[in-house]
Amino acid sequence: MIEKDIGDKIKALRLENGLTQEELANRCELTKGFISQIERHLTSPSIATLRDMLEVLGTTLGDFFREKKEDFFIFTPKDFYAKTDDQRRHTITWIVPNAQKYAMEPIIIDIDPGGESFEDKPHTGEEFGYVLEGEITLKVGEKTRTVKKGETFYYLTNQPHVMKNQTPRPAKVLWVSTPPMF
């Protein structure tokens, strides 16, 4: 980590804690000007001073210098994986690689006319969908509803559920489940 990173991280932590430069300086027995110089990359604190500042800011030296895992990702079509089920007449496209390790799993399901998703048995979780093209018939338990382009659906997965395309046109649905199951 270079000095610029230290100043930027101190400022970010200070703001996260809702402190002004003066408040941080007072709690660390430093001057507001010294805090300003650190944040503007004009000086660096000693290890002892940095430790004191981080204690006030609610973190440790180890956490401060630990590289954080990236929690924001962009995926393009070249990252996607698709699988066609000829019997059910649908194609599932996984749009977030390795999503099964996350809390939710988004897919795109293209359902040909007369096709359907797999019928899922009751399980713990939730599912959400957004119809991108066409329309689908959604059956959850004993309830059946038609969901058209531009409409969404949401349900708990504690009942059997299935999507069908009973129209002469293809349907496309963004479908998100939690926990991952596809």
N, C-alpha and C. Protein backbone atom coordinates (compact mmCIF):
# COMPACT_ATOMS: atom_id res chain seq x y z
N MET A 1 0.85 -1.18 0.00
CA MET A 1 0.00 0.00 0.00
C MET A 1 0.89 1.23 0.00
N ILE A 2 0.55 2.19 -0.84
CA ILE A 2 1.33 3.42 -0.89
C ILE A 2 0.66 4.50 -0.04
N GLU A 3 1.40 5.58 0.20
CA GLU A 3 0.89 6.65 1.06
C GLU A 3 -0.47 7.17 0.61
N LYS A 4 -0.66 7.28 -0.71
CA LYS A 4 -1.92 7.79 -1.22
C LYS A 4 -3.08 6.90 -0.77
N ASP A 5 -2.87 5.59 -0.79
CA ASP A 5 -3.91 4.68 -0.34
C ASP A 5 -4.22 4.89 1.14
N ILE A 6 -3.20 5.12 1.94
CA ILE A 6 -3.41 5.33 3.38
C ILE A 6 -4.28 6.55 3.62
N GLY A 7 -3.96 7.66 2.99
CA GLY A 7 -4.76 8.87 3.15
C GLY A 7 -6.19 8.68 2.69
N ASP A 8 -6.37 8.02 1.54
CA ASP A 8 -7.72 7.78 1.01
C ASP A 8 -8.52 6.87 1.94
N LYS A 9 -7.85 5.83 2.46
CA LYS A 9 -8.56 4.89 3.33
C LYS A 9 -8.90 5.54 4.68
N ILE A 10 -8.00 6.37 5.20
CA ILE A 10 -8.29 7.08 6.46
C ILE A 10 -9.51 7.98 6.26
N LYS A 11 -9.52 8.72 5.18
CA LYS A 11 -10.64 9.62 4.91
C LYS A 11 -11.94 8.84 4.78
N ALA A 12 -11.91 7.72 4.03
CA ALA A 12 -13.11 6.91 3.84
C ALA A 12 -13.62 6.38 5.18
N LEU A 13 -12.73 5.88 6.01
CA LEU A 13 -13.13 5.38 7.33
C LEU A 13 -13.68 6.50 8.21
N ARG A 14 -13.04 7.67 8.14
CA ARG A 14 -13.50 8.81 8.94
C ARG A 14 -14.92 9.18 8.54
N LEU A 15 -15.17 9.23 7.23
CA LEU A 15 -16.51 9.59 6.75
C LEU A 15 -17.53 8.50 7.09
N GLU A 16 -17.14 7.23 6.97
CA GLU A 16 -18.03 6.12 7.35
C GLU A 16 -18.45 6.23 8.81
N ASN A 17 -17.55 6.74 9.65
CA ASN A 17 -17.82 6.89 11.07
C ASN A 17 -18.49 8.21 11.41
N GLY A 18 -18.74 9.02 10.38
CA GLY A 18 -19.43 10.28 10.59
C GLY A 18 -18.63 11.30 11.38
N LEU A 19 -17.31 11.26 11.22
CA LEU A 19 -16.45 12.19 11.96
C LEU A 19 -15.89 13.27 11.05
N THR A 20 -15.74 14.45 11.60
CA THR A 20 -15.02 15.51 10.89
C THR A 20 -13.53 15.30 11.15
N GLN A 21 -12.71 16.01 10.39
CA GLN A 21 -11.27 15.94 10.64
C GLN A 21 -10.96 16.39 12.06
N GLU A 22 -11.64 17.42 12.50
CA GLU A 22 -11.40 17.94 13.85
C GLU A 22 -11.79 16.93 14.92
N GLU A 23 -12.92 16.24 14.73
CA GLU A 23 -13.34 15.24 15.71
C GLU A 23 -12.35 14.08 15.78
N LEU A 24 -11.88 13.62 14.63
CA LEU A 24 -10.88 12.54 14.61
C LEU A 24 -9.60 13.02 15.29
N ALA A 25 -9.17 14.23 14.96
CA ALA A 25 -7.94 14.77 15.55
C ALA A 25 -8.06 14.86 17.07
N ASN A 26 -9.19 15.36 17.57
CA ASN A 26 -9.38 15.48 19.03
C ASN A 26 -9.33 14.12 19.72
N ARG A 27 -9.96 13.12 19.12
CA ARG A 27 -9.99 11.79 19.74
C ARG A 27 -8.62 11.11 19.72
N CYS A 28 -7.77 11.52 18.77
CA CYS A 28 -6.43 10.92 18.66
C CYS A 28 -5.35 11.81 19.26
N GLU A 29 -5.76 12.96 19.81
CA GLU A 29 -4.82 13.94 20.36
C GLU A 29 -3.82 14.40 19.30
N LEU A 30 -4.39 14.70 18.12
CA LEU A 30 -3.61 15.23 16.99
C LEU A 30 -4.22 16.55 16.59
N THR A 31 -3.66 17.19 15.58
CA THR A 31 -4.24 18.43 15.08
C THR A 31 -5.07 18.15 13.84
N LYS A 32 -6.05 19.01 13.62
CA LYS A 32 -6.87 18.90 12.42
C LYS A 32 -5.99 19.02 11.18
N GLY A 33 -5.00 19.90 11.23
CA GLY A 33 -4.09 20.10 10.10
C GLY A 33 -3.31 18.83 9.76
N PHE A 34 -2.91 18.06 10.79
CA PHE A 34 -2.17 16.82 10.55
C PHE A 34 -3.07 15.79 9.85
N ILE A 35 -4.32 15.70 10.32
CA ILE A 35 -5.28 14.78 9.68
C ILE A 35 -5.48 15.20 8.22
N SER A 36 -5.63 16.48 7.99
CA SER A 36 -5.81 17.00 6.63
C SER A 36 -4.61 16.64 5.76
N GLN A 37 -3.41 16.81 6.29
CA GLN A 37 -2.19 16.49 5.52
C GLN A 37 -2.12 14.99 5.19
N ILE A 38 -2.53 14.12 6.10
CA ILE A 38 -2.55 12.68 5.82
C ILE A 38 -3.53 12.39 4.68
N GLU A 39 -4.72 12.95 4.80
CA GLU A 39 -5.76 12.68 3.79
C GLU A 39 -5.40 13.27 2.43
N ARG A 40 -4.60 14.33 2.41
CA ARG A 40 -4.20 14.95 1.14
C ARG A 40 -2.85 14.42 0.66
N HIS A 41 -2.34 13.39 1.31
CA HIS A 41 -1.11 12.70 0.90
C HIS A 41 0.13 13.58 1.03
N LEU A 42 0.11 14.52 1.98
CA LEU A 42 1.25 15.40 2.18
C LEU A 42 2.20 14.88 3.26
N THR A 43 1.68 13.96 4.10
CA THR A 43 2.51 13.35 5.14
C THR A 43 1.95 11.97 5.45
N SER A 44 2.74 11.20 6.17
CA SER A 44 2.32 9.86 6.60
C SER A 44 2.39 9.78 8.11
N PRO A 45 1.45 9.07 8.73
CA PRO A 45 1.52 8.91 10.19
C PRO A 45 2.54 7.82 10.55
N SER A 46 3.06 7.90 11.75
CA SER A 46 3.91 6.80 12.24
C SER A 46 2.99 5.60 12.48
N ILE A 47 3.58 4.44 12.66
CA ILE A 47 2.79 3.23 12.92
C ILE A 47 1.97 3.41 14.20
N ALA A 48 2.59 3.98 15.23
CA ALA A 48 1.87 4.18 16.50
C ALA A 48 0.69 5.14 16.31
N THR A 49 0.90 6.21 15.58
CA THR A 49 -0.18 7.17 15.32
C THR A 49 -1.27 6.53 14.48
N LEU A 50 -0.87 5.78 13.45
CA LEU A 50 -1.85 5.10 12.59
C LEU A 50 -2.67 4.12 13.42
N ARG A 51 -2.02 3.37 14.30
CA ARG A 51 -2.73 2.42 15.16
C ARG A 51 -3.76 3.15 16.02
N ASP A 52 -3.39 4.29 16.59
CA ASP A 52 -4.33 5.08 17.40
C ASP A 52 -5.52 5.56 16.56
N MET A 53 -5.22 6.05 15.37
CA MET A 53 -6.29 6.53 14.49
C MET A 53 -7.25 5.39 14.13
N LEU A 54 -6.70 4.23 13.81
CA LEU A 54 -7.52 3.10 13.41
C LEU A 54 -8.38 2.59 14.57
N GLU A 55 -7.84 2.67 15.77
CA GLU A 55 -8.62 2.27 16.94
C GLU A 55 -9.86 3.16 17.07
N VAL A 56 -9.66 4.47 16.90
CA VAL A 56 -10.79 5.41 16.96
C VAL A 56 -11.77 5.12 15.81
N LEU A 57 -11.24 4.70 14.67
CA LEU A 57 -12.08 4.45 13.49
C LEU A 57 -12.67 3.04 13.47
N GLY A 58 -12.41 2.26 14.53
CA GLY A 58 -13.05 0.96 14.67
C GLY A 58 -12.44 -0.16 13.86
N THR A 59 -11.14 -0.10 13.57
CA THR A 59 -10.50 -1.18 12.83
C THR A 59 -9.10 -1.42 13.37
N THR A 60 -8.42 -2.37 12.80
CA THR A 60 -7.07 -2.72 13.24
C THR A 60 -6.09 -2.53 12.08
N LEU A 61 -4.81 -2.55 12.41
CA LEU A 61 -3.79 -2.47 11.36
C LEU A 61 -3.95 -3.61 10.37
N GLY A 62 -4.18 -4.82 10.89
CA GLY A 62 -4.33 -5.98 10.02
C GLY A 62 -5.48 -5.81 9.04
N ASP A 63 -6.65 -5.40 9.54
CA ASP A 63 -7.80 -5.20 8.65
C ASP A 63 -7.58 -4.04 7.68
N PHE A 64 -6.92 -3.00 8.17
CA PHE A 64 -6.67 -1.82 7.34
C PHE A 64 -5.81 -2.16 6.13
N PHE A 65 -4.81 -2.99 6.32
CA PHE A 65 -3.89 -3.32 5.24
C PHE A 65 -4.28 -4.59 4.48
N ARG A 66 -5.27 -5.31 4.95
CA ARG A 66 -5.70 -6.54 4.28
C ARG A 66 -6.36 -6.18 2.95
N GLU A 67 -5.94 -6.88 1.92
CA GLU A 67 -6.56 -6.67 0.62
C GLU A 67 -7.99 -7.18 0.67
N LYS A 68 -8.91 -6.38 0.23
CA LYS A 68 -10.31 -6.77 0.23
C LYS A 68 -10.64 -7.50 -1.06
N LYS A 69 -11.47 -8.54 -0.91
CA LYS A 69 -11.95 -9.24 -2.09
C LYS A 69 -12.91 -8.32 -2.83
N GLU A 70 -12.84 -8.38 -4.13
CA GLU A 70 -13.74 -7.57 -4.93
C GLU A 70 -15.16 -8.07 -4.76
N ASP A 71 -16.10 -7.16 -4.51
CA ASP A 71 -17.48 -7.56 -4.33
C ASP A 71 -18.39 -6.99 -5.42
N PHE A 72 -17.78 -6.63 -6.52
CA PHE A 72 -18.53 -6.08 -7.64
C PHE A 72 -17.94 -6.68 -8.90
N PHE A 73 -18.78 -7.28 -9.71
CA PHE A 73 -18.30 -7.95 -10.90
C PHE A 73 -19.14 -7.58 -12.11
N ILE A 74 -18.51 -7.59 -13.25
CA ILE A 74 -19.19 -7.40 -14.53
C ILE A 74 -18.97 -8.67 -15.34
N PHE A 75 -20.05 -9.21 -15.89
CA PHE A 75 -19.94 -10.40 -16.73
C PHE A 75 -20.49 -10.06 -18.10
N THR A 76 -19.88 -10.61 -19.12
CA THR A 76 -20.31 -10.41 -20.49
C THR A 76 -20.79 -11.75 -21.06
N PRO A 77 -21.46 -11.73 -22.19
CA PRO A 77 -21.95 -13.00 -22.77
C PRO A 77 -20.88 -14.07 -22.93
N LYS A 78 -19.63 -13.70 -23.10
CA LYS A 78 -18.59 -14.74 -23.23
C LYS A 78 -18.39 -15.49 -21.91
N ASP A 79 -18.85 -14.94 -20.78
CA ASP A 79 -18.75 -15.60 -19.49
C ASP A 79 -19.94 -16.53 -19.22
N PHE A 80 -21.01 -16.40 -20.00
CA PHE A 80 -22.24 -17.15 -19.76
C PHE A 80 -22.08 -18.61 -20.19
N TYR A 81 -22.92 -19.45 -19.63
CA TYR A 81 -22.97 -20.86 -20.01
C TYR A 81 -24.43 -21.23 -20.24
N ALA A 82 -24.72 -21.89 -21.36
CA ALA A 82 -26.10 -22.25 -21.69
C ALA A 82 -26.23 -23.76 -21.86
N LYS A 83 -27.38 -24.27 -21.47
CA LYS A 83 -27.69 -25.69 -21.62
C LYS A 83 -29.13 -25.82 -22.11
N THR A 84 -29.31 -26.59 -23.16
CA THR A 84 -30.64 -26.79 -23.74
C THR A 84 -31.21 -28.13 -23.29
N ASP A 85 -32.48 -28.12 -22.92
CA ASP A 85 -33.22 -29.34 -22.58
C ASP A 85 -34.24 -29.54 -23.70
N ASP A 86 -33.92 -30.43 -24.64
CA ASP A 86 -34.80 -30.65 -25.81
C ASP A 86 -36.15 -31.22 -25.41
N GLN A 87 -36.18 -32.05 -24.38
CA GLN A 87 -37.43 -32.66 -23.94
C GLN A 87 -38.40 -31.60 -23.41
N ARG A 88 -37.89 -30.68 -22.61
CA ARG A 88 -38.75 -29.64 -22.03
C ARG A 88 -38.82 -28.39 -22.91
N ARG A 89 -38.03 -28.37 -23.95
CA ARG A 89 -38.04 -27.28 -24.92
C ARG A 89 -37.68 -25.93 -24.29
N HIS A 90 -36.58 -25.96 -23.54
CA HIS A 90 -36.09 -24.70 -22.96
C HIS A 90 -34.57 -24.69 -22.96
N THR A 91 -34.02 -23.48 -22.86
CA THR A 91 -32.58 -23.29 -22.70
C THR A 91 -32.36 -22.42 -21.48
N ILE A 92 -31.49 -22.89 -20.59
CA ILE A 92 -31.12 -22.10 -19.41
C ILE A 92 -29.74 -21.52 -19.67
N THR A 93 -29.60 -20.22 -19.44
CA THR A 93 -28.31 -19.54 -19.56
C THR A 93 -27.93 -19.00 -18.20
N TRP A 94 -26.81 -19.51 -17.69
CA TRP A 94 -26.28 -19.01 -16.42
C TRP A 94 -25.52 -17.73 -16.72
N ILE A 95 -25.98 -16.63 -16.17
CA ILE A 95 -25.43 -15.31 -16.52
C ILE A 95 -24.44 -14.78 -15.49
N VAL A 96 -24.28 -15.50 -14.38
CA VAL A 96 -23.26 -15.18 -13.38
C VAL A 96 -22.48 -16.47 -13.13
N PRO A 97 -21.24 -16.55 -13.64
CA PRO A 97 -20.47 -17.77 -13.46
C PRO A 97 -20.29 -18.13 -11.97
N ASN A 98 -20.40 -19.40 -11.68
CA ASN A 98 -20.21 -19.92 -10.31
C ASN A 98 -21.14 -19.28 -9.29
N ALA A 99 -22.34 -18.91 -9.71
CA ALA A 99 -23.28 -18.24 -8.80
C ALA A 99 -23.72 -19.13 -7.65
N GLN A 100 -23.55 -20.46 -7.79
CA GLN A 100 -23.99 -21.34 -6.72
C GLN A 100 -23.23 -21.09 -5.41
N LYS A 101 -22.11 -20.38 -5.47
CA LYS A 101 -21.39 -20.06 -4.23
C LYS A 101 -21.91 -18.78 -3.58
N TYR A 102 -22.84 -18.09 -4.24
CA TYR A 102 -23.43 -16.86 -3.70
C TYR A 102 -24.80 -17.15 -3.09
N ALA A 103 -25.44 -16.14 -2.56
CA ALA A 103 -26.75 -16.31 -1.93
C ALA A 103 -27.88 -16.42 -2.95
N MET A 104 -27.68 -15.89 -4.14
CA MET A 104 -28.73 -15.98 -5.16
C MET A 104 -28.11 -16.37 -6.49
N GLU A 105 -28.96 -16.90 -7.36
CA GLU A 105 -28.48 -17.35 -8.67
C GLU A 105 -29.42 -16.86 -9.76
N PRO A 106 -28.95 -15.93 -10.59
CA PRO A 106 -29.77 -15.44 -11.69
C PRO A 106 -29.50 -16.26 -12.96
N ILE A 107 -30.56 -16.56 -13.69
CA ILE A 107 -30.44 -17.23 -14.98
C ILE A 107 -31.38 -16.54 -15.96
N ILE A 108 -31.19 -16.83 -17.23
CA ILE A 108 -32.17 -16.50 -18.26
C ILE A 108 -32.70 -17.84 -18.74
N ILE A 109 -34.01 -18.00 -18.78
CA ILE A 109 -34.59 -19.21 -19.35
C ILE A 109 -35.41 -18.82 -20.57
N ASP A 110 -35.03 -19.42 -21.69
CA ASP A 110 -35.78 -19.25 -22.95
C ASP A 110 -36.67 -20.48 -23.09
N ILE A 111 -37.97 -20.27 -23.20
CA ILE A 111 -38.90 -21.39 -23.29
C ILE A 111 -39.60 -21.32 -24.65
N ASP A 112 -39.40 -22.36 -25.45
CA ASP A 112 -40.04 -22.43 -26.77
C ASP A 112 -41.54 -22.63 -26.60
N PRO A 113 -42.33 -22.33 -27.65
CA PRO A 113 -43.77 -22.60 -27.59
C PRO A 113 -44.01 -24.08 -27.22
N GLY A 114 -44.89 -24.29 -26.25
CA GLY A 114 -45.17 -25.64 -25.78
C GLY A 114 -44.16 -26.17 -24.79
N GLY A 115 -43.14 -25.39 -24.46
CA GLY A 115 -42.09 -25.82 -23.53
C GLY A 115 -42.40 -25.45 -22.10
N GLU A 116 -41.52 -25.92 -21.22
CA GLU A 116 -41.71 -25.63 -19.80
C GLU A 116 -40.38 -25.73 -19.07
N SER A 117 -40.34 -25.13 -17.88
CA SER A 117 -39.19 -25.32 -16.99
C SER A 117 -39.34 -26.69 -16.36
N PHE A 118 -38.36 -27.12 -15.61
CA PHE A 118 -38.55 -28.36 -14.86
C PHE A 118 -39.53 -28.06 -13.73
N GLU A 119 -40.33 -29.05 -13.37
CA GLU A 119 -41.24 -28.86 -12.24
C GLU A 119 -40.45 -29.08 -10.97
N ASP A 120 -40.38 -28.06 -10.15
CA ASP A 120 -39.57 -28.10 -8.94
C ASP A 120 -40.43 -28.48 -7.75
N LYS A 121 -39.92 -29.38 -6.95
CA LYS A 121 -40.60 -29.78 -5.73
C LYS A 121 -40.40 -28.71 -4.66
N PRO A 122 -41.24 -28.72 -3.62
CA PRO A 122 -41.07 -27.73 -2.55
C PRO A 122 -39.68 -27.80 -1.93
N HIS A 123 -39.13 -26.64 -1.65
CA HIS A 123 -37.84 -26.54 -0.98
C HIS A 123 -37.77 -25.19 -0.29
N THR A 124 -36.77 -24.99 0.52
CA THR A 124 -36.59 -23.72 1.21
C THR A 124 -36.03 -22.70 0.23
N GLY A 125 -36.58 -21.52 0.20
CA GLY A 125 -36.04 -20.47 -0.65
C GLY A 125 -37.09 -19.53 -1.19
N GLU A 126 -36.64 -18.70 -2.12
CA GLU A 126 -37.48 -17.71 -2.77
C GLU A 126 -37.07 -17.63 -4.23
N GLU A 127 -38.02 -17.27 -5.10
CA GLU A 127 -37.71 -17.08 -6.51
C GLU A 127 -38.41 -15.84 -7.02
N PHE A 128 -37.72 -15.19 -7.94
CA PHE A 128 -38.20 -13.96 -8.56
C PHE A 128 -38.00 -14.10 -10.06
N GLY A 129 -38.92 -13.56 -10.84
CA GLY A 129 -38.75 -13.57 -12.29
C GLY A 129 -39.26 -12.31 -12.92
N TYR A 130 -38.68 -12.00 -14.07
CA TYR A 130 -39.08 -10.85 -14.88
C TYR A 130 -39.20 -11.35 -16.31
N VAL A 131 -40.38 -11.25 -16.89
CA VAL A 131 -40.61 -11.74 -18.25
C VAL A 131 -40.07 -10.70 -19.23
N LEU A 132 -39.02 -11.11 -19.95
CA LEU A 132 -38.36 -10.23 -20.91
C LEU A 132 -39.04 -10.25 -22.27
N GLU A 133 -39.55 -11.42 -22.66
CA GLU A 133 -40.23 -11.58 -23.96
C GLU A 133 -41.36 -12.58 -23.80
N GLY A 134 -42.42 -12.38 -24.57
CA GLY A 134 -43.53 -13.32 -24.59
C GLY A 134 -44.32 -13.32 -23.30
N GLU A 135 -44.88 -14.49 -22.98
CA GLU A 135 -45.61 -14.65 -21.73
C GLU A 135 -45.49 -16.11 -21.29
N ILE A 136 -45.63 -16.31 -20.00
CA ILE A 136 -45.54 -17.65 -19.44
C ILE A 136 -46.75 -17.88 -18.54
N THR A 137 -47.03 -19.14 -18.32
CA THR A 137 -48.02 -19.53 -17.33
C THR A 137 -47.22 -20.07 -16.14
N LEU A 138 -47.44 -19.48 -14.99
CA LEU A 138 -46.72 -19.84 -13.78
C LEU A 138 -47.67 -20.57 -12.85
N LYS A 139 -47.27 -21.77 -12.43
CA LYS A 139 -48.08 -22.53 -11.48
C LYS A 139 -47.25 -22.70 -10.21
N VAL A 140 -47.80 -22.21 -9.10
CA VAL A 140 -47.19 -22.34 -7.78
C VAL A 140 -48.25 -22.96 -6.89
N GLY A 141 -47.99 -24.20 -6.45
CA GLY A 141 -49.00 -24.92 -5.69
C GLY A 141 -50.22 -25.13 -6.56
N GLU A 142 -51.37 -24.73 -6.08
CA GLU A 142 -52.62 -24.88 -6.84
C GLU A 142 -52.97 -23.64 -7.65
N LYS A 143 -52.18 -22.57 -7.52
CA LYS A 143 -52.48 -21.32 -8.22
C LYS A 143 -51.76 -21.24 -9.55
N THR A 144 -52.47 -20.82 -10.58
CA THR A 144 -51.90 -20.65 -11.91
C THR A 144 -52.17 -19.22 -12.37
N ARG A 145 -51.13 -18.56 -12.85
CA ARG A 145 -51.25 -17.17 -13.32
C ARG A 145 -50.50 -17.00 -14.63
N THR A 146 -50.98 -16.09 -15.46
CA THR A 146 -50.28 -15.72 -16.68
C THR A 146 -49.43 -14.50 -16.36
N VAL A 147 -48.15 -14.53 -16.79
CA VAL A 147 -47.24 -13.42 -16.55
C VAL A 147 -46.73 -12.98 -17.91
N LYS A 148 -46.96 -11.72 -18.27
CA LYS A 148 -46.64 -11.20 -19.59
C LYS A 148 -45.35 -10.38 -19.59
N LYS A 149 -44.87 -10.10 -20.79
CA LYS A 149 -43.67 -9.27 -20.97
C LYS A 149 -43.79 -8.00 -20.13
N GLY A 150 -42.71 -7.70 -19.38
CA GLY A 150 -42.68 -6.50 -18.55
C GLY A 150 -43.25 -6.71 -17.16
N GLU A 151 -43.79 -7.90 -16.88
CA GLU A 151 -44.33 -8.19 -15.56
C GLU A 151 -43.35 -9.06 -14.78
N THR A 152 -43.50 -9.04 -13.45
CA THR A 152 -42.62 -9.81 -12.59
C THR A 152 -43.44 -10.78 -11.75
N PHE A 153 -42.74 -11.75 -11.18
CA PHE A 153 -43.36 -12.65 -10.22
C PHE A 153 -42.38 -12.92 -9.09
N TYR A 154 -42.94 -13.30 -7.94
CA TYR A 154 -42.15 -13.60 -6.76
C TYR A 154 -42.94 -14.60 -5.93
N TYR A 155 -42.26 -15.62 -5.41
CA TYR A 155 -42.94 -16.58 -4.55
C TYR A 155 -41.93 -17.29 -3.65
N LEU A 156 -42.45 -17.79 -2.53
CA LEU A 156 -41.68 -18.69 -1.67
C LEU A 156 -41.74 -20.06 -2.33
N THR A 157 -40.68 -20.81 -2.21
CA THR A 157 -40.58 -22.09 -2.93
C THR A 157 -41.04 -23.28 -2.09
N ASN A 158 -41.97 -23.05 -1.17
CA ASN A 158 -42.44 -24.11 -0.29
C ASN A 158 -43.59 -24.92 -0.89
N GLN A 159 -43.87 -24.70 -2.19
CA GLN A 159 -44.87 -25.47 -2.92
C GLN A 159 -44.29 -25.86 -4.28
N PRO A 160 -44.82 -26.91 -4.91
CA PRO A 160 -44.34 -27.25 -6.26
C PRO A 160 -44.55 -26.05 -7.19
N HIS A 161 -43.64 -25.85 -8.14
CA HIS A 161 -43.75 -24.72 -9.04
C HIS A 161 -43.15 -25.06 -10.40
N VAL A 162 -43.74 -24.47 -11.45
CA VAL A 162 -43.29 -24.71 -12.81
C VAL A 162 -43.74 -23.53 -13.69
N MET A 163 -42.96 -23.24 -14.74
CA MET A 163 -43.32 -22.23 -15.75
C MET A 163 -43.58 -22.96 -17.06
N LYS A 164 -44.60 -22.55 -17.77
CA LYS A 164 -44.90 -23.14 -19.08
C LYS A 164 -45.13 -22.03 -20.09
N ASN A 165 -44.79 -22.32 -21.33
CA ASN A 165 -45.09 -21.39 -22.42
C ASN A 165 -46.20 -22.04 -23.24
N GLN A 166 -47.42 -21.57 -23.07
CA GLN A 166 -48.57 -22.12 -23.77
C GLN A 166 -49.00 -21.24 -24.93
N THR A 167 -48.06 -20.44 -25.44
CA THR A 167 -48.36 -19.55 -26.56
C THR A 167 -47.58 -20.01 -27.79
N PRO A 168 -47.89 -19.45 -28.97
CA PRO A 168 -47.14 -19.81 -30.18
C PRO A 168 -45.83 -19.03 -30.35
N ARG A 169 -45.50 -18.18 -29.37
CA ARG A 169 -44.28 -17.37 -29.45
C ARG A 169 -43.29 -17.76 -28.36
N PRO A 170 -41.99 -17.60 -28.61
CA PRO A 170 -40.99 -17.89 -27.58
C PRO A 170 -41.15 -16.95 -26.38
N ALA A 171 -40.73 -17.42 -25.22
CA ALA A 171 -40.75 -16.60 -24.01
C ALA A 171 -39.34 -16.58 -23.43
N LYS A 172 -39.00 -15.48 -22.80
CA LYS A 172 -37.68 -15.32 -22.16
C LYS A 172 -37.90 -14.70 -20.79
N VAL A 173 -37.31 -15.33 -19.75
CA VAL A 173 -37.52 -14.89 -18.38
C VAL A 173 -36.17 -14.77 -17.67
N LEU A 174 -35.97 -13.65 -17.01
CA LEU A 174 -34.86 -13.52 -16.06
C LEU A 174 -35.39 -14.12 -14.77
N TRP A 175 -34.72 -15.16 -14.26
CA TRP A 175 -35.21 -15.91 -13.11
C TRP A 175 -34.11 -15.94 -12.06
N VAL A 176 -34.43 -15.51 -10.85
CA VAL A 176 -33.44 -15.47 -9.77
C VAL A 176 -33.94 -16.32 -8.62
N SER A 177 -33.09 -17.23 -8.16
CA SER A 177 -33.48 -18.08 -7.04
C SER A 177 -32.49 -17.90 -5.89
N THR A 178 -33.02 -18.06 -4.70
CA THR A 178 -32.19 -18.08 -3.52
C THR A 178 -32.74 -19.14 -2.58
N PRO A 179 -31.95 -20.08 -2.15
CA PRO A 179 -30.55 -20.28 -2.50
C PRO A 179 -30.41 -20.79 -3.94
N PRO A 180 -29.19 -20.75 -4.49
CA PRO A 180 -28.97 -21.25 -5.84
C PRO A 180 -29.44 -22.69 -5.99
N MET A 181 -30.01 -22.99 -7.17
CA MET A 181 -30.51 -24.33 -7.37
C MET A 181 -30.38 -24.84 -8.79
N PHE A 182 -30.05 -24.00 -9.74
CA PHE A 182 -30.05 -24.42 -11.15
C PHE A 182 -28.81 -25.20 -11.52
